[in-house]
Amino acid sequence: MHVEACVESKTKRMIARYEFDSTVNLITEQQWVGYFLQAKLPSLVDYAVVDDAIKTLKMKITWPERESRMTNLQADPEGILDKFNLTDQAFENEQRRLVRNRSDAQEPPRFKDAVATKLTLQQNKQFKHDIVPFCAWVTQLLTEFMTWEHYAPYSTASRNPRQNADRGVNGAHGTTGGRGAAVGSPRTRWARSRKW
């Protein structure tokens, strides 16, 4: 189907007159296609504004499914790029930046750290340069993380079991919650042995 056939006749005449300085019947199909493809070219854009808008995005962890989390994380930045008419240009020239922005948007922080660490490994270097495989890879990691997170709830306890045994209330050492010496501590025994 010709592009010309998709445009209303009144609009066609206006475009022909004011944009091409010609009549409708003298405009070729390639001219019509070229005219409408100009809409894809970005106008002057402050890229810092685009970066700031994308940096504010975070993965929504309130959604229970990994697909929902990742689809949202893919759609929101594309919406911002569409708003500034930069989607095609970003996917052609800025794959590394897209990967970096998606990597920074991961949530919760433990998952974000895991993704950042795994990206530094030699076997995962390929994901730094292409956003589509990166998103598929992160979706797989997210599945594993959500399974792990479900069975291993977050604990503020130390990873060292000896430290956990020594901790009292509110993470303080001893059993008094940091309010003084414990009953059986050397300091308490010394104080009891002294007669005032």
N, C-alpha and C. Protein backbone atom coordinates (compact mmCIF):
# COMPACT_ATOMS: atom_id res chain seq x y z
N MET A 1 0.85 -1.17 0.00
CA MET A 1 0.00 0.00 0.00
C MET A 1 0.90 1.24 0.00
N HIS A 2 0.55 2.19 -0.77
CA HIS A 2 1.31 3.42 -0.86
C HIS A 2 1.07 4.28 0.38
N VAL A 3 2.12 4.97 0.80
CA VAL A 3 2.02 5.86 1.96
C VAL A 3 1.01 6.96 1.68
N GLU A 4 0.99 7.43 0.47
CA GLU A 4 0.08 8.51 0.07
C GLU A 4 -1.37 8.12 0.34
N ALA A 5 -1.69 6.84 0.19
CA ALA A 5 -3.07 6.37 0.40
C ALA A 5 -3.47 6.41 1.86
N CYS A 6 -2.51 6.47 2.77
CA CYS A 6 -2.80 6.46 4.20
C CYS A 6 -3.02 7.86 4.77
N VAL A 7 -2.85 8.87 3.96
CA VAL A 7 -2.96 10.25 4.44
C VAL A 7 -4.24 10.86 3.92
N GLU A 8 -4.93 11.56 4.80
CA GLU A 8 -6.17 12.23 4.41
C GLU A 8 -5.87 13.25 3.30
N SER A 9 -6.80 13.41 2.38
CA SER A 9 -6.56 14.24 1.19
C SER A 9 -6.27 15.70 1.54
N LYS A 10 -6.99 16.26 2.50
CA LYS A 10 -6.75 17.65 2.89
C LYS A 10 -5.34 17.80 3.47
N THR A 11 -4.94 16.86 4.32
CA THR A 11 -3.60 16.89 4.91
C THR A 11 -2.54 16.71 3.83
N LYS A 12 -2.81 15.82 2.87
CA LYS A 12 -1.89 15.60 1.76
C LYS A 12 -1.64 16.89 0.99
N ARG A 13 -2.71 17.59 0.69
CA ARG A 13 -2.58 18.84 -0.06
C ARG A 13 -1.77 19.87 0.72
N MET A 14 -2.02 19.97 2.03
CA MET A 14 -1.27 20.93 2.85
C MET A 14 0.22 20.58 2.90
N ILE A 15 0.51 19.30 3.09
CA ILE A 15 1.92 18.87 3.13
C ILE A 15 2.59 19.15 1.79
N ALA A 16 1.91 18.80 0.71
CA ALA A 16 2.47 19.01 -0.62
C ALA A 16 2.74 20.50 -0.86
N ARG A 17 1.81 21.32 -0.46
CA ARG A 17 1.93 22.75 -0.71
C ARG A 17 3.01 23.40 0.16
N TYR A 18 2.97 23.14 1.47
CA TYR A 18 3.85 23.87 2.39
C TYR A 18 5.19 23.18 2.64
N GLU A 19 5.26 21.88 2.54
CA GLU A 19 6.51 21.17 2.81
C GLU A 19 7.31 20.91 1.53
N PHE A 20 6.60 20.56 0.45
CA PHE A 20 7.28 20.23 -0.80
C PHE A 20 7.21 21.34 -1.84
N ASP A 21 6.38 22.35 -1.59
CA ASP A 21 6.17 23.43 -2.55
C ASP A 21 5.84 22.85 -3.92
N SER A 22 4.86 21.95 -3.91
CA SER A 22 4.49 21.24 -5.13
C SER A 22 3.01 20.85 -5.03
N THR A 23 2.56 20.08 -6.00
CA THR A 23 1.20 19.54 -5.95
C THR A 23 1.27 18.06 -5.59
N VAL A 24 0.16 17.51 -5.13
CA VAL A 24 0.11 16.13 -4.66
C VAL A 24 0.55 15.15 -5.74
N ASN A 25 0.10 15.35 -6.97
CA ASN A 25 0.39 14.37 -8.03
C ASN A 25 1.86 14.37 -8.47
N LEU A 26 2.66 15.37 -8.07
CA LEU A 26 4.07 15.42 -8.46
C LEU A 26 5.01 14.84 -7.39
N ILE A 27 4.47 14.45 -6.24
CA ILE A 27 5.30 13.92 -5.15
C ILE A 27 5.41 12.41 -5.29
N THR A 28 6.64 11.90 -5.24
CA THR A 28 6.86 10.45 -5.41
C THR A 28 6.66 9.71 -4.09
N GLU A 29 6.58 8.39 -4.19
CA GLU A 29 6.43 7.54 -2.99
C GLU A 29 7.64 7.70 -2.06
N GLN A 30 8.83 7.77 -2.64
CA GLN A 30 10.04 7.92 -1.82
C GLN A 30 10.03 9.25 -1.07
N GLN A 31 9.51 10.29 -1.68
CA GLN A 31 9.42 11.58 -0.98
C GLN A 31 8.45 11.49 0.20
N TRP A 32 7.31 10.80 -0.01
CA TRP A 32 6.35 10.63 1.09
C TRP A 32 6.99 9.83 2.23
N VAL A 33 7.66 8.74 1.89
CA VAL A 33 8.31 7.90 2.92
C VAL A 33 9.37 8.71 3.66
N GLY A 34 10.20 9.42 2.92
CA GLY A 34 11.24 10.25 3.54
C GLY A 34 10.66 11.31 4.45
N TYR A 35 9.56 11.91 4.02
CA TYR A 35 8.92 12.95 4.83
C TYR A 35 8.46 12.38 6.17
N PHE A 36 7.80 11.22 6.15
CA PHE A 36 7.27 10.66 7.39
C PHE A 36 8.37 10.03 8.26
N LEU A 37 9.46 9.59 7.64
CA LEU A 37 10.57 9.05 8.43
C LEU A 37 11.33 10.15 9.17
N GLN A 38 11.17 11.38 8.74
CA GLN A 38 11.81 12.49 9.45
C GLN A 38 11.31 12.60 10.89
N ALA A 39 10.12 12.10 11.13
CA ALA A 39 9.56 12.15 12.48
C ALA A 39 10.37 11.30 13.46
N LYS A 40 11.11 10.32 12.95
CA LYS A 40 11.92 9.47 13.82
C LYS A 40 13.22 10.13 14.23
N LEU A 41 13.64 11.16 13.52
CA LEU A 41 14.88 11.84 13.86
C LEU A 41 14.67 12.69 15.10
N PRO A 42 15.55 12.55 16.09
CA PRO A 42 15.38 13.34 17.31
C PRO A 42 15.67 14.81 17.06
N SER A 43 14.93 15.63 17.75
CA SER A 43 15.22 17.05 17.70
C SER A 43 16.34 17.32 18.71
N LEU A 44 16.71 18.55 18.89
CA LEU A 44 17.77 18.87 19.85
C LEU A 44 17.29 18.49 21.25
N VAL A 45 18.06 17.62 21.89
CA VAL A 45 17.67 17.09 23.19
C VAL A 45 18.83 17.25 24.15
N ASP A 46 18.50 17.62 25.38
CA ASP A 46 19.49 17.67 26.44
C ASP A 46 19.61 16.25 27.00
N TYR A 47 20.69 15.56 26.66
CA TYR A 47 20.85 14.17 27.06
C TYR A 47 20.97 14.00 28.57
N ALA A 48 21.43 15.02 29.26
CA ALA A 48 21.51 14.95 30.72
C ALA A 48 20.12 14.81 31.33
N VAL A 49 19.14 15.48 30.74
CA VAL A 49 17.76 15.37 31.23
C VAL A 49 17.24 13.95 31.03
N VAL A 50 17.56 13.36 29.89
CA VAL A 50 17.13 11.98 29.61
C VAL A 50 17.80 11.03 30.60
N ASP A 51 19.11 11.19 30.81
CA ASP A 51 19.82 10.34 31.76
C ASP A 51 19.25 10.47 33.16
N ASP A 52 18.98 11.70 33.59
CA ASP A 52 18.42 11.90 34.93
C ASP A 52 17.06 11.24 35.07
N ALA A 53 16.25 11.33 34.03
CA ALA A 53 14.92 10.71 34.08
C ALA A 53 15.02 9.19 34.16
N ILE A 54 15.95 8.62 33.42
CA ILE A 54 16.10 7.16 33.42
C ILE A 54 16.74 6.68 34.72
N LYS A 55 17.64 7.47 35.30
CA LYS A 55 18.30 7.07 36.54
C LYS A 55 17.34 7.00 37.72
N THR A 56 16.23 7.70 37.65
CA THR A 56 15.28 7.66 38.76
C THR A 56 14.45 6.39 38.77
N LEU A 57 14.47 5.63 37.70
CA LEU A 57 13.66 4.42 37.62
C LEU A 57 14.26 3.30 38.45
N LYS A 58 13.40 2.54 39.10
CA LYS A 58 13.80 1.37 39.88
C LYS A 58 12.83 0.24 39.60
N MET A 59 13.32 -0.98 39.79
CA MET A 59 12.46 -2.15 39.63
C MET A 59 11.41 -2.14 40.73
N LYS A 60 10.17 -2.40 40.37
CA LYS A 60 9.09 -2.44 41.36
C LYS A 60 9.05 -3.84 41.97
N ILE A 61 9.50 -3.94 43.22
CA ILE A 61 9.59 -5.25 43.86
C ILE A 61 8.29 -5.64 44.54
N THR A 62 7.27 -4.79 44.46
CA THR A 62 5.98 -5.15 45.05
C THR A 62 5.26 -6.18 44.20
N TRP A 63 5.63 -6.29 42.94
CA TRP A 63 4.99 -7.27 42.06
C TRP A 63 5.61 -8.64 42.30
N PRO A 64 4.80 -9.66 42.47
CA PRO A 64 5.34 -10.97 42.83
C PRO A 64 5.97 -11.74 41.67
N GLU A 65 5.63 -11.44 40.43
CA GLU A 65 6.14 -12.23 39.31
C GLU A 65 7.36 -11.55 38.70
N ARG A 66 8.33 -12.37 38.32
CA ARG A 66 9.54 -11.83 37.70
C ARG A 66 9.24 -11.19 36.36
N GLU A 67 8.28 -11.77 35.61
CA GLU A 67 7.94 -11.21 34.30
C GLU A 67 7.40 -9.80 34.43
N SER A 68 6.56 -9.58 35.44
CA SER A 68 6.00 -8.24 35.66
C SER A 68 7.10 -7.25 36.01
N ARG A 69 7.99 -7.67 36.87
CA ARG A 69 9.09 -6.78 37.27
C ARG A 69 9.96 -6.40 36.07
N MET A 70 10.32 -7.40 35.27
CA MET A 70 11.21 -7.13 34.14
C MET A 70 10.51 -6.39 33.01
N THR A 71 9.26 -6.73 32.75
CA THR A 71 8.53 -6.02 31.69
C THR A 71 8.40 -4.55 32.03
N ASN A 72 8.11 -4.26 33.29
CA ASN A 72 8.01 -2.87 33.73
C ASN A 72 9.37 -2.17 33.59
N LEU A 73 10.43 -2.88 33.97
CA LEU A 73 11.76 -2.30 33.89
C LEU A 73 12.21 -2.08 32.45
N GLN A 74 11.64 -2.81 31.53
CA GLN A 74 11.94 -2.60 30.11
C GLN A 74 11.05 -1.50 29.52
N ALA A 75 9.80 -1.43 29.97
CA ALA A 75 8.85 -0.48 29.38
C ALA A 75 9.07 0.95 29.85
N ASP A 76 9.38 1.15 31.13
CA ASP A 76 9.53 2.51 31.65
C ASP A 76 10.64 3.30 30.97
N PRO A 77 11.86 2.76 30.84
CA PRO A 77 12.89 3.52 30.13
C PRO A 77 12.55 3.76 28.66
N GLU A 78 11.90 2.78 28.04
CA GLU A 78 11.51 2.98 26.64
C GLU A 78 10.48 4.10 26.52
N GLY A 79 9.60 4.22 27.51
CA GLY A 79 8.64 5.32 27.51
C GLY A 79 9.34 6.67 27.57
N ILE A 80 10.38 6.75 28.39
CA ILE A 80 11.16 8.00 28.48
C ILE A 80 11.88 8.27 27.17
N LEU A 81 12.48 7.24 26.59
CA LEU A 81 13.17 7.42 25.31
C LEU A 81 12.18 7.81 24.21
N ASP A 82 10.99 7.22 24.22
CA ASP A 82 9.96 7.59 23.24
C ASP A 82 9.55 9.05 23.41
N LYS A 83 9.44 9.48 24.65
CA LYS A 83 9.04 10.86 24.93
C LYS A 83 10.02 11.85 24.29
N PHE A 84 11.30 11.51 24.31
CA PHE A 84 12.32 12.37 23.71
C PHE A 84 12.67 11.97 22.28
N ASN A 85 11.95 10.98 21.75
CA ASN A 85 12.16 10.51 20.38
C ASN A 85 13.58 9.98 20.17
N LEU A 86 14.07 9.21 21.16
CA LEU A 86 15.43 8.71 21.10
C LEU A 86 15.52 7.19 21.11
N THR A 87 14.40 6.49 21.03
CA THR A 87 14.42 5.03 21.17
C THR A 87 15.30 4.38 20.11
N ASP A 88 15.08 4.68 18.86
CA ASP A 88 15.86 4.05 17.79
C ASP A 88 17.33 4.41 17.89
N GLN A 89 17.61 5.65 18.17
CA GLN A 89 19.00 6.09 18.27
C GLN A 89 19.70 5.40 19.45
N ALA A 90 19.01 5.24 20.56
CA ALA A 90 19.60 4.59 21.73
C ALA A 90 19.90 3.12 21.44
N PHE A 91 18.97 2.44 20.77
CA PHE A 91 19.18 1.02 20.48
C PHE A 91 20.25 0.81 19.41
N GLU A 92 20.47 1.79 18.56
CA GLU A 92 21.51 1.66 17.55
C GLU A 92 22.89 2.02 18.08
N ASN A 93 22.96 3.03 18.95
CA ASN A 93 24.27 3.58 19.33
C ASN A 93 24.62 3.50 20.81
N GLU A 94 23.66 3.25 21.67
CA GLU A 94 23.92 3.37 23.11
C GLU A 94 23.58 2.10 23.89
N GLN A 95 23.93 0.94 23.36
CA GLN A 95 23.61 -0.32 24.04
C GLN A 95 24.26 -0.40 25.43
N ARG A 96 25.50 0.00 25.54
CA ARG A 96 26.19 -0.07 26.85
C ARG A 96 25.49 0.81 27.88
N ARG A 97 25.06 1.97 27.46
CA ARG A 97 24.37 2.87 28.39
C ARG A 97 23.03 2.29 28.81
N LEU A 98 22.32 1.68 27.88
CA LEU A 98 21.05 1.04 28.22
C LEU A 98 21.26 -0.08 29.23
N VAL A 99 22.31 -0.88 29.02
CA VAL A 99 22.61 -1.97 29.96
C VAL A 99 22.97 -1.40 31.33
N ARG A 100 23.79 -0.37 31.35
CA ARG A 100 24.20 0.24 32.62
C ARG A 100 22.99 0.80 33.37
N ASN A 101 22.10 1.48 32.65
CA ASN A 101 20.91 2.04 33.30
C ASN A 101 20.01 0.95 33.86
N ARG A 102 19.81 -0.13 33.10
CA ARG A 102 18.97 -1.24 33.59
C ARG A 102 19.63 -1.93 34.78
N SER A 103 20.95 -2.04 34.73
CA SER A 103 21.67 -2.67 35.83
C SER A 103 21.54 -1.83 37.10
N ASP A 104 21.62 -0.52 36.97
CA ASP A 104 21.49 0.37 38.13
C ASP A 104 20.07 0.41 38.67
N ALA A 105 19.10 0.04 37.86
CA ALA A 105 17.69 0.11 38.28
C ALA A 105 17.22 -1.15 39.01
N GLN A 106 18.09 -2.14 39.15
CA GLN A 106 17.68 -3.39 39.79
C GLN A 106 17.38 -3.16 41.26
N GLU A 107 16.43 -3.89 41.77
CA GLU A 107 16.06 -3.86 43.18
C GLU A 107 15.76 -5.28 43.60
N PRO A 108 15.86 -5.63 44.83
CA PRO A 108 16.40 -4.93 45.98
C PRO A 108 17.92 -4.79 45.87
N PRO A 109 18.53 -4.04 46.78
CA PRO A 109 19.97 -3.78 46.68
C PRO A 109 20.83 -5.04 46.63
N ARG A 110 20.43 -6.10 47.32
CA ARG A 110 21.21 -7.35 47.28
C ARG A 110 21.23 -7.92 45.87
N PHE A 111 20.10 -7.85 45.17
CA PHE A 111 20.04 -8.35 43.80
C PHE A 111 20.84 -7.44 42.87
N LYS A 112 20.74 -6.15 43.07
CA LYS A 112 21.50 -5.19 42.26
C LYS A 112 23.00 -5.46 42.40
N ASP A 113 23.46 -5.70 43.63
CA ASP A 113 24.87 -6.00 43.86
C ASP A 113 25.27 -7.31 43.17
N ALA A 114 24.39 -8.30 43.23
CA ALA A 114 24.69 -9.58 42.59
C ALA A 114 24.82 -9.42 41.08
N VAL A 115 23.93 -8.64 40.47
CA VAL A 115 23.99 -8.40 39.02
C VAL A 115 25.28 -7.66 38.66
N ALA A 116 25.61 -6.64 39.44
CA ALA A 116 26.83 -5.87 39.17
C ALA A 116 28.07 -6.75 39.29
N THR A 117 28.09 -7.61 40.29
CA THR A 117 29.23 -8.51 40.48
C THR A 117 29.34 -9.51 39.34
N LYS A 118 28.21 -10.09 38.96
CA LYS A 118 28.22 -11.08 37.88
C LYS A 118 28.61 -10.45 36.54
N LEU A 119 28.28 -9.18 36.34
CA LEU A 119 28.66 -8.50 35.09
C LEU A 119 30.17 -8.34 34.96
N THR A 120 30.88 -8.35 36.08
CA THR A 120 32.33 -8.20 36.02
C THR A 120 33.03 -9.49 35.62
N LEU A 121 32.33 -10.62 35.70
CA LEU A 121 32.94 -11.91 35.35
C LEU A 121 33.14 -12.01 33.84
N GLN A 122 34.22 -12.67 33.45
CA GLN A 122 34.56 -12.81 32.04
C GLN A 122 33.45 -13.50 31.26
N GLN A 123 32.83 -14.51 31.84
CA GLN A 123 31.79 -15.27 31.13
C GLN A 123 30.53 -14.44 30.86
N ASN A 124 30.36 -13.32 31.54
CA ASN A 124 29.17 -12.49 31.36
C ASN A 124 29.45 -11.17 30.65
N LYS A 125 30.65 -10.98 30.13
CA LYS A 125 31.01 -9.73 29.46
C LYS A 125 30.12 -9.44 28.25
N GLN A 126 29.62 -10.50 27.60
CA GLN A 126 28.79 -10.31 26.40
C GLN A 126 27.51 -9.53 26.72
N PHE A 127 27.04 -9.60 27.96
CA PHE A 127 25.79 -8.94 28.32
C PHE A 127 25.96 -7.43 28.50
N LYS A 128 27.20 -6.95 28.59
CA LYS A 128 27.43 -5.52 28.77
C LYS A 128 27.18 -4.73 27.50
N HIS A 129 27.13 -5.40 26.35
CA HIS A 129 27.08 -4.70 25.07
C HIS A 129 25.75 -4.82 24.34
N ASP A 130 24.82 -5.60 24.87
CA ASP A 130 23.57 -5.84 24.15
C ASP A 130 22.42 -5.94 25.15
N ILE A 131 21.47 -5.05 25.04
CA ILE A 131 20.40 -4.93 26.03
C ILE A 131 19.44 -6.12 26.02
N VAL A 132 19.15 -6.68 24.86
CA VAL A 132 18.16 -7.77 24.79
C VAL A 132 18.66 -9.02 25.50
N PRO A 133 19.88 -9.52 25.20
CA PRO A 133 20.37 -10.67 25.97
C PRO A 133 20.57 -10.34 27.45
N PHE A 134 20.94 -9.09 27.75
CA PHE A 134 21.09 -8.69 29.15
C PHE A 134 19.78 -8.85 29.90
N CYS A 135 18.68 -8.38 29.31
CA CYS A 135 17.38 -8.49 29.98
C CYS A 135 16.96 -9.95 30.17
N ALA A 136 17.24 -10.79 29.18
CA ALA A 136 16.92 -12.22 29.31
C ALA A 136 17.76 -12.85 30.42
N TRP A 137 19.02 -12.48 30.49
CA TRP A 137 19.92 -12.99 31.52
C TRP A 137 19.48 -12.54 32.91
N VAL A 138 19.12 -11.26 33.04
CA VAL A 138 18.68 -10.74 34.34
C VAL A 138 17.36 -11.40 34.75
N THR A 139 16.49 -11.68 33.80
CA THR A 139 15.24 -12.38 34.13
C THR A 139 15.54 -13.75 34.72
N GLN A 140 16.51 -14.44 34.15
CA GLN A 140 16.90 -15.75 34.69
C GLN A 140 17.49 -15.59 36.09
N LEU A 141 18.37 -14.61 36.27
CA LEU A 141 18.94 -14.36 37.60
C LEU A 141 17.86 -13.98 38.60
N LEU A 142 16.88 -13.22 38.15
CA LEU A 142 15.80 -12.80 39.03
C LEU A 142 14.98 -14.00 39.49
N THR A 143 14.76 -14.96 38.61
CA THR A 143 14.05 -16.18 38.98
C THR A 143 14.80 -16.89 40.10
N GLU A 144 16.10 -17.05 39.93
CA GLU A 144 16.91 -17.72 40.94
C GLU A 144 16.92 -16.93 42.24
N PHE A 145 17.04 -15.61 42.14
CA PHE A 145 17.09 -14.77 43.33
C PHE A 145 15.77 -14.82 44.09
N MET A 146 14.65 -14.73 43.37
CA MET A 146 13.35 -14.75 44.04
C MET A 146 13.10 -16.09 44.72
N THR A 147 13.57 -17.17 44.12
CA THR A 147 13.45 -18.48 44.75
C THR A 147 14.28 -18.52 46.02
N TRP A 148 15.52 -18.04 45.94
CA TRP A 148 16.39 -18.01 47.10
C TRP A 148 15.82 -17.11 48.18
N GLU A 149 15.33 -15.94 47.78
CA GLU A 149 14.80 -14.97 48.73
C GLU A 149 13.59 -15.52 49.47
N HIS A 150 12.79 -16.31 48.77
CA HIS A 150 11.60 -16.90 49.38
C HIS A 150 11.97 -17.87 50.49
N TYR A 151 13.03 -18.65 50.26
CA TYR A 151 13.41 -19.67 51.24
C TYR A 151 14.45 -19.19 52.24
N ALA A 152 15.08 -18.08 52.00
CA ALA A 152 16.09 -17.55 52.92
C ALA A 152 15.78 -16.10 53.22
N PRO A 153 14.85 -15.84 54.15
CA PRO A 153 14.48 -14.46 54.44
C PRO A 153 15.68 -13.65 54.93
N TYR A 154 15.61 -12.38 54.71
CA TYR A 154 16.70 -11.48 55.06
C TYR A 154 16.87 -11.46 56.56
N SER A 155 18.12 -11.53 56.98
CA SER A 155 18.44 -11.52 58.40
C SER A 155 19.49 -10.45 58.64
N THR A 156 19.34 -9.72 59.74
CA THR A 156 20.33 -8.70 60.07
C THR A 156 21.49 -9.30 60.83
N ALA A 157 21.39 -10.58 61.14
CA ALA A 157 22.45 -11.24 61.88
C ALA A 157 23.72 -11.32 61.04
N SER A 158 24.83 -11.39 61.73
CA SER A 158 26.11 -11.49 61.06
C SER A 158 26.26 -12.84 60.39
N ARG A 159 27.15 -12.91 59.40
CA ARG A 159 27.40 -14.19 58.73
C ARG A 159 28.26 -15.10 59.60
N ASN A 160 28.93 -14.54 60.60
CA ASN A 160 29.79 -15.31 61.49
C ASN A 160 28.95 -15.83 62.66
N PRO A 161 28.78 -17.16 62.82
CA PRO A 161 27.94 -17.69 63.88
C PRO A 161 28.43 -17.31 65.27
N ARG A 162 29.76 -17.16 65.47
CA ARG A 162 30.26 -16.78 66.79
C ARG A 162 29.80 -15.38 67.16
N GLN A 163 29.79 -14.48 66.18
CA GLN A 163 29.32 -13.12 66.47
C GLN A 163 27.85 -13.13 66.83
N ASN A 164 27.07 -13.96 66.17
CA ASN A 164 25.64 -14.03 66.47
C ASN A 164 25.41 -14.52 67.88
N ALA A 165 26.23 -15.45 68.37
CA ALA A 165 26.06 -15.97 69.72
C ALA A 165 26.40 -14.90 70.75
N ASP A 166 27.34 -14.01 70.42
CA ASP A 166 27.75 -12.97 71.35
C ASP A 166 26.80 -11.77 71.36
N ARG A 167 25.95 -11.65 70.37
CA ARG A 167 25.10 -10.46 70.25
C ARG A 167 23.88 -10.58 71.15
N GLY A 168 23.48 -9.45 71.68
CA GLY A 168 22.29 -9.40 72.51
C GLY A 168 21.18 -8.67 71.80
N VAL A 169 20.32 -8.06 72.54
CA VAL A 169 19.20 -7.31 72.00
C VAL A 169 19.74 -6.13 71.21
N ASN A 170 19.11 -5.80 70.12
CA ASN A 170 19.48 -4.67 69.26
C ASN A 170 20.89 -4.79 68.70
N GLY A 171 21.44 -5.98 68.64
CA GLY A 171 22.73 -6.18 68.01
C GLY A 171 23.91 -5.81 68.87
N ALA A 172 23.69 -5.43 70.14
CA ALA A 172 24.81 -5.07 71.00
C ALA A 172 25.46 -6.34 71.53
N HIS A 173 26.71 -6.22 71.94
CA HIS A 173 27.41 -7.39 72.47
C HIS A 173 26.94 -7.66 73.89
N GLY A 174 26.93 -8.91 74.28
CA GLY A 174 26.49 -9.28 75.61
C GLY A 174 24.99 -9.52 75.62
N THR A 175 24.44 -9.69 76.78
CA THR A 175 23.02 -10.01 76.89
C THR A 175 22.20 -8.87 77.43
N THR A 176 22.79 -7.73 77.66
CA THR A 176 22.04 -6.62 78.24
C THR A 176 21.62 -5.61 77.21
N GLY A 177 21.87 -5.87 75.96
CA GLY A 177 21.46 -4.94 74.91
C GLY A 177 22.30 -3.69 74.90
N GLY A 178 23.54 -3.77 75.40
CA GLY A 178 24.42 -2.61 75.35
C GLY A 178 24.23 -1.66 76.50
N ARG A 179 23.46 -2.06 77.55
CA ARG A 179 23.18 -1.14 78.65
C ARG A 179 24.13 -1.35 79.83
N GLY A 180 25.11 -2.14 79.69
CA GLY A 180 26.04 -2.37 80.80
C GLY A 180 26.68 -3.72 80.65
N ALA A 181 27.34 -4.11 81.68
CA ALA A 181 28.04 -5.39 81.63
C ALA A 181 27.08 -6.52 81.90
N ALA A 182 27.33 -7.64 81.29
CA ALA A 182 26.50 -8.82 81.52
C ALA A 182 26.80 -9.38 82.90
N VAL A 183 25.88 -10.17 83.44
CA VAL A 183 25.99 -10.67 84.79
C VAL A 183 27.25 -11.51 84.99
N GLY A 184 27.57 -12.34 84.03
CA GLY A 184 28.72 -13.22 84.19
C GLY A 184 29.99 -12.69 83.57
N SER A 185 30.02 -11.44 83.19
CA SER A 185 31.20 -10.91 82.51
C SER A 185 32.32 -10.65 83.51
N PRO A 186 33.57 -10.61 83.05
CA PRO A 186 34.69 -10.36 83.97
C PRO A 186 34.57 -9.03 84.69
N ARG A 187 34.02 -8.02 84.02
CA ARG A 187 33.88 -6.71 84.63
C ARG A 187 32.92 -6.76 85.82
N THR A 188 31.84 -7.52 85.71
CA THR A 188 30.86 -7.63 86.78
C THR A 188 31.45 -8.42 87.95
N ARG A 189 32.15 -9.50 87.63
CA ARG A 189 32.75 -10.30 88.70
C ARG A 189 33.78 -9.47 89.47
N TRP A 190 34.55 -8.65 88.76
CA TRP A 190 35.53 -7.80 89.43
C TRP A 190 34.84 -6.81 90.35
N ALA A 191 33.73 -6.21 89.88
CA ALA A 191 33.01 -5.23 90.69
C ALA A 191 32.42 -5.88 91.94
N ARG A 192 31.96 -7.12 91.85
CA ARG A 192 31.38 -7.80 93.01
C ARG A 192 32.45 -8.20 94.03
N SER A 193 33.64 -8.49 93.51
CA SER A 193 34.69 -8.95 94.41
C SER A 193 35.26 -7.81 95.25
N ARG A 194 35.13 -6.61 94.76
CA ARG A 194 35.64 -5.46 95.52
C ARG A 194 34.65 -5.06 96.58
N LYS A 195 35.13 -4.82 97.74
CA LYS A 195 34.26 -4.40 98.83
C LYS A 195 34.44 -2.91 99.01
N TRP A 196 33.41 -2.19 99.00
CA TRP A 196 33.46 -0.73 99.15
C TRP A 196 33.32 -0.37 100.56
